[in-house]
């Protein structure tokens, strides 16, 4: 795993944090247009992000938390980001309970589309970054982003993300991310915008 120097207020998450990671992320994405299209209800986001934190990003990637206010999930390009079979069954059950008709079909299609557009060259992948509603406007997004971007620059690695909310385009652009593509799932979803950040070199 890439070495990241974290400030005292931010810590590396461990496996016991999977519920909290999922809950912070679900609250952050509750009004995200792409995810609302996928599931039709914000209630489906908590089980989704909890399972992804527990079975994918805490095992295959690395996650950071700022208390109970902000969280990120990252991975390197070598990580296996596919759901284990039992996790997929749990996710399907959760969507039956909390999602709307067709949500599982849309979710599977979104996964295929994201995999198709995911770059193959070495990079760091930002899956999610988010804060609780009450913690917004405090600069936590910047604080959570900077340590990993600094580490990526030291390693000479680009960083990739998919922006699912046009309202966040300016935030990512301020860190040097540039739009490299745009796609719609099943020809009906809100646009998903892949963005790429080239590593910065010291002068």
N, C-alpha and C. Protein backbone atom coordinates (compact mmCIF):
# COMPACT_ATOMS: atom_id res chain seq x y z
N UNK A 1 0.84 -1.20 0.00
CA UNK A 1 0.00 0.00 0.00
C UNK A 1 0.88 1.25 0.00
N UNK A 2 0.48 2.23 -0.75
CA UNK A 2 1.22 3.48 -0.82
C UNK A 2 1.27 4.16 0.55
N UNK A 3 2.43 4.70 0.90
CA UNK A 3 2.55 5.42 2.18
C UNK A 3 1.95 6.81 2.06
N UNK A 4 1.06 7.13 2.99
CA UNK A 4 0.40 8.43 3.03
C UNK A 4 0.64 9.05 4.39
N UNK A 5 1.20 10.24 4.43
CA UNK A 5 1.37 10.98 5.69
C UNK A 5 0.08 11.70 6.03
N UNK A 6 -0.55 11.28 7.11
CA UNK A 6 -1.83 11.85 7.51
C UNK A 6 -1.65 12.84 8.66
N UNK A 7 -2.39 13.94 8.65
CA UNK A 7 -2.37 14.84 9.80
C UNK A 7 -3.06 14.18 10.99
N UNK A 8 -2.83 14.68 12.20
CA UNK A 8 -3.36 14.01 13.40
C UNK A 8 -4.88 13.82 13.40
N UNK A 9 -5.61 14.72 12.77
CA UNK A 9 -7.07 14.66 12.82
C UNK A 9 -7.65 13.63 11.84
N UNK A 10 -6.83 13.08 10.97
CA UNK A 10 -7.29 12.09 10.00
C UNK A 10 -6.57 10.78 10.29
N UNK A 11 -7.30 9.67 10.25
CA UNK A 11 -6.67 8.39 10.53
C UNK A 11 -7.00 7.36 9.46
N UNK A 12 -6.12 6.37 9.35
CA UNK A 12 -6.36 5.23 8.48
C UNK A 12 -7.42 4.35 9.11
N UNK A 13 -8.44 4.01 8.35
CA UNK A 13 -9.53 3.19 8.88
C UNK A 13 -9.10 1.73 8.96
N UNK A 14 -9.68 1.02 9.93
CA UNK A 14 -9.47 -0.43 9.99
C UNK A 14 -10.81 -1.14 9.79
N UNK A 15 -10.77 -2.47 9.82
CA UNK A 15 -11.98 -3.21 9.43
C UNK A 15 -13.16 -2.95 10.36
N UNK A 16 -12.90 -2.58 11.60
CA UNK A 16 -14.00 -2.31 12.53
C UNK A 16 -14.80 -1.06 12.15
N UNK A 17 -14.27 -0.27 11.23
CA UNK A 17 -14.93 0.99 10.86
C UNK A 17 -15.91 0.86 9.70
N UNK A 18 -16.18 -0.36 9.22
CA UNK A 18 -16.92 -0.48 7.98
C UNK A 18 -18.33 0.12 8.04
N UNK A 19 -18.99 -0.02 9.17
CA UNK A 19 -20.33 0.57 9.27
C UNK A 19 -20.27 2.10 9.23
N UNK A 20 -19.34 2.66 9.99
CA UNK A 20 -19.22 4.12 10.05
C UNK A 20 -18.80 4.69 8.70
N UNK A 21 -17.86 4.03 8.04
CA UNK A 21 -17.46 4.46 6.70
C UNK A 21 -18.65 4.47 5.76
N UNK A 22 -19.42 3.39 5.80
CA UNK A 22 -20.59 3.31 4.93
C UNK A 22 -21.64 4.35 5.24
N UNK A 23 -21.85 4.63 6.52
CA UNK A 23 -22.88 5.58 6.91
C UNK A 23 -22.51 7.02 6.54
N UNK A 24 -21.24 7.39 6.76
CA UNK A 24 -20.79 8.73 6.36
C UNK A 24 -20.93 8.90 4.85
N UNK A 25 -20.50 7.90 4.11
CA UNK A 25 -20.55 7.98 2.65
C UNK A 25 -21.99 8.01 2.15
N UNK A 26 -22.85 7.21 2.74
CA UNK A 26 -24.25 7.20 2.32
C UNK A 26 -24.90 8.56 2.54
N UNK A 27 -24.61 9.19 3.67
CA UNK A 27 -25.17 10.53 3.93
C UNK A 27 -24.62 11.54 2.93
N UNK A 28 -23.34 11.41 2.60
CA UNK A 28 -22.73 12.35 1.65
C UNK A 28 -23.34 12.23 0.26
N UNK A 29 -23.74 11.01 -0.12
CA UNK A 29 -24.25 10.76 -1.47
C UNK A 29 -25.77 10.70 -1.53
N UNK A 30 -26.44 11.10 -0.45
CA UNK A 30 -27.90 10.95 -0.39
C UNK A 30 -28.63 11.74 -1.47
N UNK A 31 -28.03 12.84 -1.94
CA UNK A 31 -28.69 13.66 -2.97
C UNK A 31 -27.95 13.60 -4.30
N UNK A 32 -27.08 12.63 -4.44
CA UNK A 32 -26.31 12.48 -5.68
C UNK A 32 -27.24 12.03 -6.80
N UNK A 33 -27.30 12.74 -7.93
CA UNK A 33 -28.27 12.42 -8.97
C UNK A 33 -28.06 11.05 -9.60
N UNK A 34 -26.81 10.64 -9.78
CA UNK A 34 -26.56 9.34 -10.40
C UNK A 34 -27.01 8.21 -9.48
N UNK A 35 -26.68 8.31 -8.20
CA UNK A 35 -27.08 7.25 -7.27
C UNK A 35 -28.58 7.22 -7.03
N UNK A 36 -29.23 8.36 -7.07
CA UNK A 36 -30.69 8.37 -6.95
C UNK A 36 -31.33 7.70 -8.17
N UNK A 37 -30.73 7.90 -9.35
CA UNK A 37 -31.22 7.20 -10.54
C UNK A 37 -31.03 5.69 -10.39
N UNK A 38 -29.88 5.29 -9.86
CA UNK A 38 -29.58 3.87 -9.71
C UNK A 38 -30.60 3.18 -8.81
N UNK A 39 -30.85 3.77 -7.64
CA UNK A 39 -31.58 3.05 -6.61
C UNK A 39 -32.97 3.62 -6.31
N UNK A 40 -33.22 4.84 -6.75
CA UNK A 40 -34.54 5.42 -6.55
C UNK A 40 -34.83 5.83 -5.13
N UNK A 41 -33.87 5.58 -4.23
CA UNK A 41 -34.09 5.91 -2.82
C UNK A 41 -32.75 5.99 -2.11
N UNK A 42 -32.58 7.00 -1.28
CA UNK A 42 -31.36 7.13 -0.51
C UNK A 42 -31.20 6.02 0.52
N UNK A 43 -32.29 5.31 0.86
CA UNK A 43 -32.21 4.24 1.86
C UNK A 43 -31.35 3.09 1.39
N UNK A 44 -31.22 2.93 0.08
CA UNK A 44 -30.43 1.82 -0.45
C UNK A 44 -28.93 2.09 -0.38
N UNK A 45 -28.54 3.34 -0.12
CA UNK A 45 -27.12 3.67 -0.14
C UNK A 45 -26.36 3.14 1.07
N UNK A 46 -26.99 3.11 2.23
CA UNK A 46 -26.27 2.67 3.43
C UNK A 46 -25.80 1.23 3.29
N UNK A 47 -26.68 0.27 2.95
CA UNK A 47 -26.16 -1.10 2.81
C UNK A 47 -25.14 -1.23 1.69
N UNK A 48 -25.31 -0.49 0.60
CA UNK A 48 -24.35 -0.54 -0.50
C UNK A 48 -22.96 -0.12 -0.03
N UNK A 49 -22.85 1.06 0.57
CA UNK A 49 -21.54 1.58 0.95
C UNK A 49 -20.95 0.82 2.14
N UNK A 50 -21.80 0.30 3.02
CA UNK A 50 -21.28 -0.52 4.10
C UNK A 50 -20.62 -1.78 3.55
N UNK A 51 -21.29 -2.45 2.62
CA UNK A 51 -20.74 -3.67 2.03
C UNK A 51 -19.48 -3.37 1.25
N UNK A 52 -19.48 -2.28 0.50
CA UNK A 52 -18.30 -1.94 -0.29
C UNK A 52 -17.12 -1.58 0.61
N UNK A 53 -17.38 -0.90 1.71
CA UNK A 53 -16.31 -0.59 2.66
C UNK A 53 -15.77 -1.86 3.28
N UNK A 54 -16.66 -2.72 3.75
CA UNK A 54 -16.27 -3.93 4.47
C UNK A 54 -15.53 -4.94 3.59
N UNK A 55 -16.06 -5.18 2.40
CA UNK A 55 -15.59 -6.31 1.61
C UNK A 55 -14.70 -5.94 0.42
N UNK A 56 -14.62 -4.65 0.12
CA UNK A 56 -13.77 -4.26 -1.01
C UNK A 56 -12.69 -3.27 -0.57
N UNK A 57 -13.08 -2.08 -0.13
CA UNK A 57 -12.07 -1.02 0.05
C UNK A 57 -11.24 -1.15 1.32
N UNK A 58 -11.77 -1.75 2.38
CA UNK A 58 -10.95 -1.98 3.57
C UNK A 58 -10.03 -3.19 3.37
N UNK A 59 -10.33 -4.03 2.40
CA UNK A 59 -9.51 -5.21 2.13
C UNK A 59 -8.56 -4.99 0.95
N UNK A 60 -9.09 -4.39 -0.11
CA UNK A 60 -8.31 -4.24 -1.33
C UNK A 60 -7.69 -2.85 -1.49
N UNK A 61 -8.24 -1.87 -0.76
CA UNK A 61 -7.75 -0.50 -0.89
C UNK A 61 -7.35 0.07 0.45
N UNK A 62 -7.62 1.36 0.63
CA UNK A 62 -7.36 2.02 1.92
C UNK A 62 -8.37 3.14 2.10
N UNK A 63 -8.77 3.34 3.35
CA UNK A 63 -9.82 4.31 3.67
C UNK A 63 -9.35 5.22 4.79
N UNK A 64 -9.80 6.46 4.75
CA UNK A 64 -9.45 7.44 5.77
C UNK A 64 -10.71 8.04 6.37
N UNK A 65 -10.61 8.45 7.63
CA UNK A 65 -11.74 9.07 8.31
C UNK A 65 -11.28 10.27 9.11
N UNK A 66 -12.15 11.27 9.15
CA UNK A 66 -11.97 12.43 10.01
C UNK A 66 -13.09 12.36 11.04
N UNK A 67 -12.79 11.72 12.19
CA UNK A 67 -13.82 11.52 13.20
C UNK A 67 -15.04 10.84 12.61
N UNK A 68 -16.20 11.37 12.92
CA UNK A 68 -17.45 10.88 12.35
C UNK A 68 -18.00 11.88 11.33
N UNK A 69 -17.11 12.66 10.74
CA UNK A 69 -17.55 13.75 9.87
C UNK A 69 -17.24 13.53 8.39
N UNK A 70 -16.13 12.88 8.08
CA UNK A 70 -15.74 12.74 6.68
C UNK A 70 -15.04 11.41 6.46
N UNK A 71 -15.12 10.91 5.23
CA UNK A 71 -14.52 9.63 4.90
C UNK A 71 -14.14 9.58 3.43
N UNK A 72 -13.10 8.78 3.14
CA UNK A 72 -12.71 8.52 1.76
C UNK A 72 -12.44 7.03 1.59
N UNK A 73 -12.61 6.55 0.36
CA UNK A 73 -12.25 5.19 -0.01
C UNK A 73 -11.41 5.25 -1.27
N UNK A 74 -10.21 4.65 -1.20
CA UNK A 74 -9.25 4.69 -2.29
C UNK A 74 -8.79 3.26 -2.64
N UNK A 75 -8.15 3.14 -3.81
CA UNK A 75 -7.52 1.88 -4.19
C UNK A 75 -6.42 2.17 -5.20
N UNK A 76 -5.47 1.26 -5.30
CA UNK A 76 -4.49 1.36 -6.36
C UNK A 76 -4.99 0.56 -7.56
N UNK A 77 -4.33 0.73 -8.70
CA UNK A 77 -4.81 0.11 -9.92
C UNK A 77 -4.73 -1.41 -9.88
N UNK A 78 -3.92 -1.99 -8.96
CA UNK A 78 -3.80 -3.44 -8.89
C UNK A 78 -4.95 -4.10 -8.13
N UNK A 79 -5.76 -3.31 -7.44
CA UNK A 79 -6.78 -3.87 -6.55
C UNK A 79 -7.87 -4.61 -7.33
N UNK A 80 -8.39 -5.65 -6.72
CA UNK A 80 -9.55 -6.36 -7.25
C UNK A 80 -10.79 -5.74 -6.63
N UNK A 81 -11.54 -4.99 -7.43
CA UNK A 81 -12.67 -4.23 -6.90
C UNK A 81 -14.01 -4.92 -7.17
N UNK A 82 -13.98 -6.20 -7.45
CA UNK A 82 -15.21 -6.95 -7.67
C UNK A 82 -15.80 -7.45 -6.36
N UNK A 83 -17.13 -7.54 -6.31
CA UNK A 83 -17.80 -8.07 -5.12
C UNK A 83 -17.51 -9.57 -4.98
N UNK A 84 -17.14 -10.02 -3.79
CA UNK A 84 -17.12 -11.47 -3.53
C UNK A 84 -18.56 -12.00 -3.67
N UNK A 85 -18.74 -13.28 -4.03
CA UNK A 85 -20.09 -13.81 -4.29
C UNK A 85 -21.08 -13.59 -3.14
N UNK A 86 -20.65 -13.85 -1.89
CA UNK A 86 -21.58 -13.69 -0.76
C UNK A 86 -21.96 -12.23 -0.58
N UNK A 87 -21.00 -11.32 -0.80
CA UNK A 87 -21.29 -9.89 -0.68
C UNK A 87 -22.30 -9.46 -1.73
N UNK A 88 -22.17 -10.01 -2.92
CA UNK A 88 -23.11 -9.67 -3.99
C UNK A 88 -24.52 -10.14 -3.63
N UNK A 89 -24.63 -11.31 -3.03
CA UNK A 89 -25.94 -11.78 -2.59
C UNK A 89 -26.53 -10.87 -1.53
N UNK A 90 -25.69 -10.41 -0.61
CA UNK A 90 -26.16 -9.48 0.43
C UNK A 90 -26.63 -8.17 -0.20
N UNK A 91 -25.87 -7.69 -1.17
CA UNK A 91 -26.24 -6.45 -1.84
C UNK A 91 -27.56 -6.61 -2.58
N UNK A 92 -27.75 -7.72 -3.26
CA UNK A 92 -29.00 -7.97 -3.98
C UNK A 92 -30.18 -7.99 -3.03
N UNK A 93 -30.00 -8.63 -1.88
CA UNK A 93 -31.07 -8.68 -0.89
C UNK A 93 -31.40 -7.28 -0.38
N UNK A 94 -30.37 -6.47 -0.14
CA UNK A 94 -30.59 -5.12 0.36
C UNK A 94 -31.33 -4.27 -0.66
N UNK A 95 -31.03 -4.46 -1.94
CA UNK A 95 -31.70 -3.66 -2.97
C UNK A 95 -33.16 -4.08 -3.13
N UNK A 96 -33.44 -5.36 -2.93
CA UNK A 96 -34.83 -5.82 -2.97
C UNK A 96 -35.63 -5.14 -1.87
N UNK A 97 -35.00 -5.00 -0.70
CA UNK A 97 -35.69 -4.41 0.45
C UNK A 97 -35.77 -2.88 0.33
N UNK A 98 -34.67 -2.23 -0.03
CA UNK A 98 -34.59 -0.78 0.06
C UNK A 98 -34.63 -0.05 -1.30
N UNK A 99 -34.31 -0.75 -2.36
CA UNK A 99 -34.28 -0.10 -3.67
C UNK A 99 -35.65 -0.08 -4.33
N UNK A 100 -35.67 0.42 -5.56
CA UNK A 100 -36.90 0.43 -6.33
C UNK A 100 -36.78 -0.57 -7.48
N UNK A 101 -37.88 -0.78 -8.17
CA UNK A 101 -37.90 -1.77 -9.25
C UNK A 101 -36.81 -1.47 -10.29
N UNK A 102 -36.04 -2.48 -10.60
CA UNK A 102 -34.99 -2.32 -11.59
C UNK A 102 -33.67 -1.82 -11.06
N UNK A 103 -33.58 -1.56 -9.74
CA UNK A 103 -32.35 -0.97 -9.20
C UNK A 103 -31.16 -1.92 -9.33
N UNK A 104 -31.39 -3.22 -9.15
CA UNK A 104 -30.28 -4.16 -9.28
C UNK A 104 -29.79 -4.22 -10.72
N UNK A 105 -30.72 -4.21 -11.67
CA UNK A 105 -30.34 -4.22 -13.08
C UNK A 105 -29.53 -2.97 -13.42
N UNK A 106 -29.98 -1.82 -12.94
CA UNK A 106 -29.26 -0.58 -13.20
C UNK A 106 -27.88 -0.61 -12.53
N UNK A 107 -27.83 -1.14 -11.31
CA UNK A 107 -26.56 -1.20 -10.59
C UNK A 107 -25.54 -2.08 -11.30
N UNK A 108 -25.98 -3.22 -11.80
CA UNK A 108 -25.06 -4.11 -12.52
C UNK A 108 -24.58 -3.46 -13.81
N UNK A 109 -25.49 -2.77 -14.50
CA UNK A 109 -25.10 -2.08 -15.73
C UNK A 109 -24.11 -0.96 -15.44
N UNK A 110 -24.32 -0.25 -14.33
CA UNK A 110 -23.39 0.82 -13.95
C UNK A 110 -22.01 0.25 -13.65
N UNK A 111 -21.96 -0.89 -12.96
CA UNK A 111 -20.69 -1.52 -12.67
C UNK A 111 -19.93 -1.90 -13.93
N UNK A 112 -20.65 -2.43 -14.91
CA UNK A 112 -20.00 -2.81 -16.18
C UNK A 112 -19.49 -1.57 -16.92
N UNK A 113 -20.29 -0.50 -16.91
CA UNK A 113 -19.89 0.72 -17.61
C UNK A 113 -18.67 1.35 -16.95
N UNK A 114 -18.64 1.36 -15.62
CA UNK A 114 -17.50 1.94 -14.91
C UNK A 114 -16.24 1.13 -15.16
N UNK A 115 -16.38 -0.20 -15.18
CA UNK A 115 -15.21 -1.05 -15.45
C UNK A 115 -14.71 -0.82 -16.88
N UNK A 116 -15.61 -0.68 -17.82
CA UNK A 116 -15.23 -0.46 -19.22
C UNK A 116 -14.42 0.82 -19.38
N UNK A 117 -14.78 1.87 -18.67
CA UNK A 117 -14.13 3.17 -18.81
C UNK A 117 -12.93 3.34 -17.88
N UNK A 118 -12.74 2.40 -16.96
CA UNK A 118 -11.66 2.54 -15.98
C UNK A 118 -10.30 2.40 -16.68
N UNK A 119 -9.39 3.32 -16.45
CA UNK A 119 -8.07 3.24 -17.11
C UNK A 119 -7.28 2.03 -16.65
N UNK A 120 -6.42 1.53 -17.54
CA UNK A 120 -5.62 0.34 -17.26
C UNK A 120 -4.22 0.68 -16.76
N UNK A 121 -3.72 1.86 -17.05
CA UNK A 121 -2.37 2.21 -16.63
C UNK A 121 -2.31 2.46 -15.12
N UNK A 122 -1.12 2.37 -14.52
CA UNK A 122 -0.98 2.56 -13.08
C UNK A 122 -1.55 3.91 -12.62
N UNK A 123 -2.30 3.88 -11.51
CA UNK A 123 -2.91 5.10 -10.97
C UNK A 123 -3.46 4.82 -9.58
N UNK A 124 -3.88 5.86 -8.90
CA UNK A 124 -4.64 5.77 -7.66
C UNK A 124 -6.10 6.10 -7.99
N UNK A 125 -7.00 5.32 -7.45
CA UNK A 125 -8.43 5.49 -7.74
C UNK A 125 -9.15 6.02 -6.50
N UNK A 126 -9.83 7.14 -6.67
CA UNK A 126 -10.68 7.68 -5.61
C UNK A 126 -12.11 7.20 -5.87
N UNK A 127 -12.56 6.27 -5.06
CA UNK A 127 -13.93 5.77 -5.22
C UNK A 127 -14.94 6.74 -4.63
N UNK A 128 -14.73 7.15 -3.39
CA UNK A 128 -15.65 8.09 -2.76
C UNK A 128 -14.91 9.05 -1.84
N UNK A 129 -15.43 10.26 -1.76
CA UNK A 129 -15.04 11.24 -0.76
C UNK A 129 -16.32 11.94 -0.35
N UNK A 130 -16.53 12.10 0.96
CA UNK A 130 -17.77 12.74 1.38
C UNK A 130 -17.76 13.14 2.83
N UNK A 131 -18.65 14.06 3.17
CA UNK A 131 -18.78 14.53 4.55
C UNK A 131 -20.24 14.46 4.98
N UNK A 132 -20.44 14.38 6.27
CA UNK A 132 -21.78 14.52 6.82
C UNK A 132 -22.33 15.90 6.46
N UNK A 133 -23.64 16.00 6.38
CA UNK A 133 -24.25 17.29 6.02
C UNK A 133 -23.86 18.38 7.01
N UNK A 134 -23.85 18.05 8.28
CA UNK A 134 -23.54 19.05 9.30
C UNK A 134 -22.10 19.50 9.26
N UNK A 135 -21.24 18.76 8.57
CA UNK A 135 -19.81 19.09 8.55
C UNK A 135 -19.38 19.79 7.27
N UNK A 136 -20.31 20.07 6.39
CA UNK A 136 -19.96 20.70 5.12
C UNK A 136 -19.56 22.16 5.32
N UNK A 137 -18.67 22.63 4.46
CA UNK A 137 -18.23 24.01 4.53
C UNK A 137 -17.10 24.24 5.50
N UNK A 138 -16.52 23.17 6.05
CA UNK A 138 -15.42 23.29 7.01
C UNK A 138 -14.06 22.99 6.40
N UNK A 139 -14.03 22.73 5.11
CA UNK A 139 -12.76 22.42 4.46
C UNK A 139 -12.31 20.98 4.63
N UNK A 140 -13.23 20.11 5.06
CA UNK A 140 -12.84 18.72 5.28
C UNK A 140 -12.55 17.98 3.98
N UNK A 141 -13.26 18.32 2.91
CA UNK A 141 -13.00 17.68 1.64
C UNK A 141 -11.56 17.90 1.19
N UNK A 142 -11.11 19.13 1.29
CA UNK A 142 -9.72 19.46 0.93
C UNK A 142 -8.74 18.74 1.85
N UNK A 143 -9.06 18.72 3.15
CA UNK A 143 -8.17 18.07 4.11
C UNK A 143 -8.05 16.57 3.84
N UNK A 144 -9.15 15.95 3.42
CA UNK A 144 -9.12 14.52 3.14
C UNK A 144 -8.41 14.20 1.83
N UNK A 145 -8.48 15.09 0.88
CA UNK A 145 -7.91 14.87 -0.44
C UNK A 145 -6.39 15.07 -0.46
N UNK A 146 -5.92 16.13 0.18
CA UNK A 146 -4.52 16.54 0.02
C UNK A 146 -3.47 15.49 0.37
N UNK A 147 -3.60 14.74 1.48
CA UNK A 147 -2.54 13.78 1.81
C UNK A 147 -2.30 12.73 0.73
N UNK A 148 -3.37 12.22 0.14
CA UNK A 148 -3.21 11.18 -0.88
C UNK A 148 -2.67 11.78 -2.18
N UNK A 149 -3.12 12.97 -2.53
CA UNK A 149 -2.59 13.61 -3.74
C UNK A 149 -1.11 13.91 -3.58
N UNK A 150 -0.70 14.33 -2.39
CA UNK A 150 0.73 14.57 -2.13
C UNK A 150 1.53 13.29 -2.27
N UNK A 151 1.00 12.19 -1.72
CA UNK A 151 1.68 10.90 -1.83
C UNK A 151 1.73 10.43 -3.28
N UNK A 152 0.65 10.64 -4.02
CA UNK A 152 0.63 10.24 -5.43
C UNK A 152 1.66 11.03 -6.23
N UNK A 153 1.79 12.32 -5.94
CA UNK A 153 2.80 13.13 -6.62
C UNK A 153 4.20 12.61 -6.34
N UNK A 154 4.47 12.22 -5.09
CA UNK A 154 5.79 11.69 -4.73
C UNK A 154 6.09 10.40 -5.47
N UNK A 155 5.04 9.60 -5.70
CA UNK A 155 5.21 8.33 -6.40
C UNK A 155 5.12 8.48 -7.92
N UNK A 156 4.78 9.70 -8.37
CA UNK A 156 4.62 9.93 -9.80
C UNK A 156 3.40 9.24 -10.38
N UNK A 157 2.35 9.10 -9.58
CA UNK A 157 1.15 8.38 -10.01
C UNK A 157 0.00 9.34 -10.29
N UNK A 158 -0.70 9.17 -11.39
CA UNK A 158 -1.92 9.93 -11.62
C UNK A 158 -3.04 9.42 -10.71
N UNK A 159 -4.11 10.20 -10.63
CA UNK A 159 -5.26 9.84 -9.80
C UNK A 159 -6.51 9.92 -10.68
N UNK A 160 -7.38 8.94 -10.51
CA UNK A 160 -8.59 8.82 -11.34
C UNK A 160 -9.82 8.79 -10.45
N UNK A 161 -10.91 9.37 -10.94
CA UNK A 161 -12.20 9.30 -10.25
C UNK A 161 -13.32 9.40 -11.28
N UNK A 162 -14.51 9.01 -10.84
CA UNK A 162 -15.72 9.25 -11.64
C UNK A 162 -16.58 10.24 -10.88
N UNK A 163 -16.83 11.38 -11.47
CA UNK A 163 -17.68 12.38 -10.84
C UNK A 163 -19.13 12.11 -11.22
N UNK A 164 -19.94 11.82 -10.21
CA UNK A 164 -21.34 11.49 -10.45
C UNK A 164 -22.28 12.66 -10.19
N UNK A 165 -21.72 13.82 -9.84
CA UNK A 165 -22.55 14.99 -9.53
C UNK A 165 -21.93 16.24 -10.14
N UNK A 166 -22.57 16.87 -11.12
CA UNK A 166 -22.00 18.07 -11.74
C UNK A 166 -21.65 19.18 -10.75
N UNK A 167 -22.34 19.21 -9.61
CA UNK A 167 -22.07 20.24 -8.61
C UNK A 167 -20.66 20.12 -8.03
N UNK A 168 -20.03 18.95 -8.18
CA UNK A 168 -18.70 18.74 -7.61
C UNK A 168 -17.58 18.97 -8.62
N UNK A 169 -17.93 19.34 -9.83
CA UNK A 169 -16.91 19.49 -10.88
C UNK A 169 -15.85 20.54 -10.50
N UNK A 170 -16.28 21.66 -9.96
CA UNK A 170 -15.34 22.71 -9.57
C UNK A 170 -14.42 22.27 -8.45
N UNK A 171 -14.95 21.50 -7.51
CA UNK A 171 -14.13 21.00 -6.40
C UNK A 171 -12.99 20.15 -6.93
N UNK A 172 -13.29 19.21 -7.80
CA UNK A 172 -12.25 18.34 -8.34
C UNK A 172 -11.30 19.10 -9.27
N UNK A 173 -11.83 20.01 -10.04
CA UNK A 173 -10.98 20.78 -10.95
C UNK A 173 -9.93 21.58 -10.19
N UNK A 174 -10.30 22.06 -9.01
CA UNK A 174 -9.37 22.86 -8.21
C UNK A 174 -8.13 22.07 -7.80
N UNK A 175 -8.23 20.74 -7.78
CA UNK A 175 -7.10 19.89 -7.44
C UNK A 175 -6.31 19.44 -8.67
N UNK A 176 -6.74 19.88 -9.83
CA UNK A 176 -6.03 19.52 -11.04
C UNK A 176 -6.65 18.39 -11.83
N UNK A 177 -7.83 17.92 -11.42
CA UNK A 177 -8.52 16.88 -12.19
C UNK A 177 -9.13 17.49 -13.45
N UNK A 178 -9.03 16.73 -14.55
CA UNK A 178 -9.60 17.18 -15.82
C UNK A 178 -10.54 16.10 -16.37
N UNK A 179 -11.61 16.55 -16.95
CA UNK A 179 -12.58 15.64 -17.56
C UNK A 179 -11.93 14.93 -18.74
N UNK A 180 -12.04 13.59 -18.78
CA UNK A 180 -11.47 12.83 -19.88
C UNK A 180 -12.53 12.06 -20.66
N UNK A 181 -13.75 12.03 -20.16
CA UNK A 181 -14.79 11.26 -20.84
C UNK A 181 -16.13 11.61 -20.21
N UNK A 182 -17.17 11.06 -20.75
CA UNK A 182 -18.51 11.16 -20.16
C UNK A 182 -19.33 10.02 -20.71
N UNK A 183 -20.11 9.37 -19.85
CA UNK A 183 -20.94 8.27 -20.34
C UNK A 183 -22.25 8.22 -19.55
N UNK A 184 -23.23 7.60 -20.18
CA UNK A 184 -24.53 7.40 -19.56
C UNK A 184 -24.80 5.90 -19.52
N UNK A 185 -25.36 5.42 -18.43
CA UNK A 185 -25.65 4.01 -18.28
C UNK A 185 -27.03 3.70 -18.84
N UNK A 186 -27.09 2.69 -19.68
CA UNK A 186 -28.34 2.26 -20.32
C UNK A 186 -28.99 3.36 -21.14
N UNK A 187 -28.22 4.39 -21.45
CA UNK A 187 -28.74 5.49 -22.24
C UNK A 187 -29.76 6.34 -21.53
N UNK A 188 -29.84 6.22 -20.20
CA UNK A 188 -30.89 6.94 -19.48
C UNK A 188 -30.42 7.57 -18.17
N UNK A 189 -29.22 7.24 -17.72
CA UNK A 189 -28.76 7.78 -16.43
C UNK A 189 -28.28 9.21 -16.57
N UNK A 190 -28.21 9.95 -15.46
CA UNK A 190 -27.47 11.21 -15.46
C UNK A 190 -26.03 10.92 -15.85
N UNK A 191 -25.32 11.89 -16.42
CA UNK A 191 -23.96 11.61 -16.89
C UNK A 191 -22.99 11.28 -15.76
N UNK A 192 -22.11 10.35 -16.05
CA UNK A 192 -20.97 10.04 -15.19
C UNK A 192 -19.74 10.58 -15.90
N UNK A 193 -18.92 11.34 -15.18
CA UNK A 193 -17.79 12.03 -15.79
C UNK A 193 -16.47 11.55 -15.22
N UNK A 194 -15.76 10.67 -15.92
CA UNK A 194 -14.42 10.29 -15.48
C UNK A 194 -13.47 11.49 -15.52
N UNK A 195 -12.62 11.60 -14.49
CA UNK A 195 -11.66 12.71 -14.41
C UNK A 195 -10.29 12.15 -14.04
N UNK A 196 -9.25 12.83 -14.51
CA UNK A 196 -7.88 12.33 -14.40
C UNK A 196 -6.98 13.47 -13.92
N UNK A 197 -6.13 13.16 -12.97
CA UNK A 197 -5.18 14.14 -12.47
C UNK A 197 -3.75 13.66 -12.72
N UNK A 198 -3.02 14.39 -13.51
CA UNK A 198 -1.62 14.08 -13.78
C UNK A 198 -0.78 14.47 -12.57
N UNK A 199 0.18 13.64 -12.17
CA UNK A 199 0.99 13.98 -10.98
C UNK A 199 1.77 15.26 -11.18
N UNK A 200 1.84 16.05 -10.12
CA UNK A 200 2.61 17.28 -10.17
C UNK A 200 4.05 16.99 -9.80
N UNK A 201 4.93 17.63 -10.49
CA UNK A 201 6.36 17.45 -10.22
C UNK A 201 6.91 18.68 -9.50
N UNK A 202 7.90 18.45 -8.65
CA UNK A 202 8.50 19.56 -7.92
C UNK A 202 9.30 20.44 -8.89
N UNK A 203 9.28 21.77 -8.68
CA UNK A 203 10.02 22.66 -9.58
C UNK A 203 11.53 22.44 -9.46
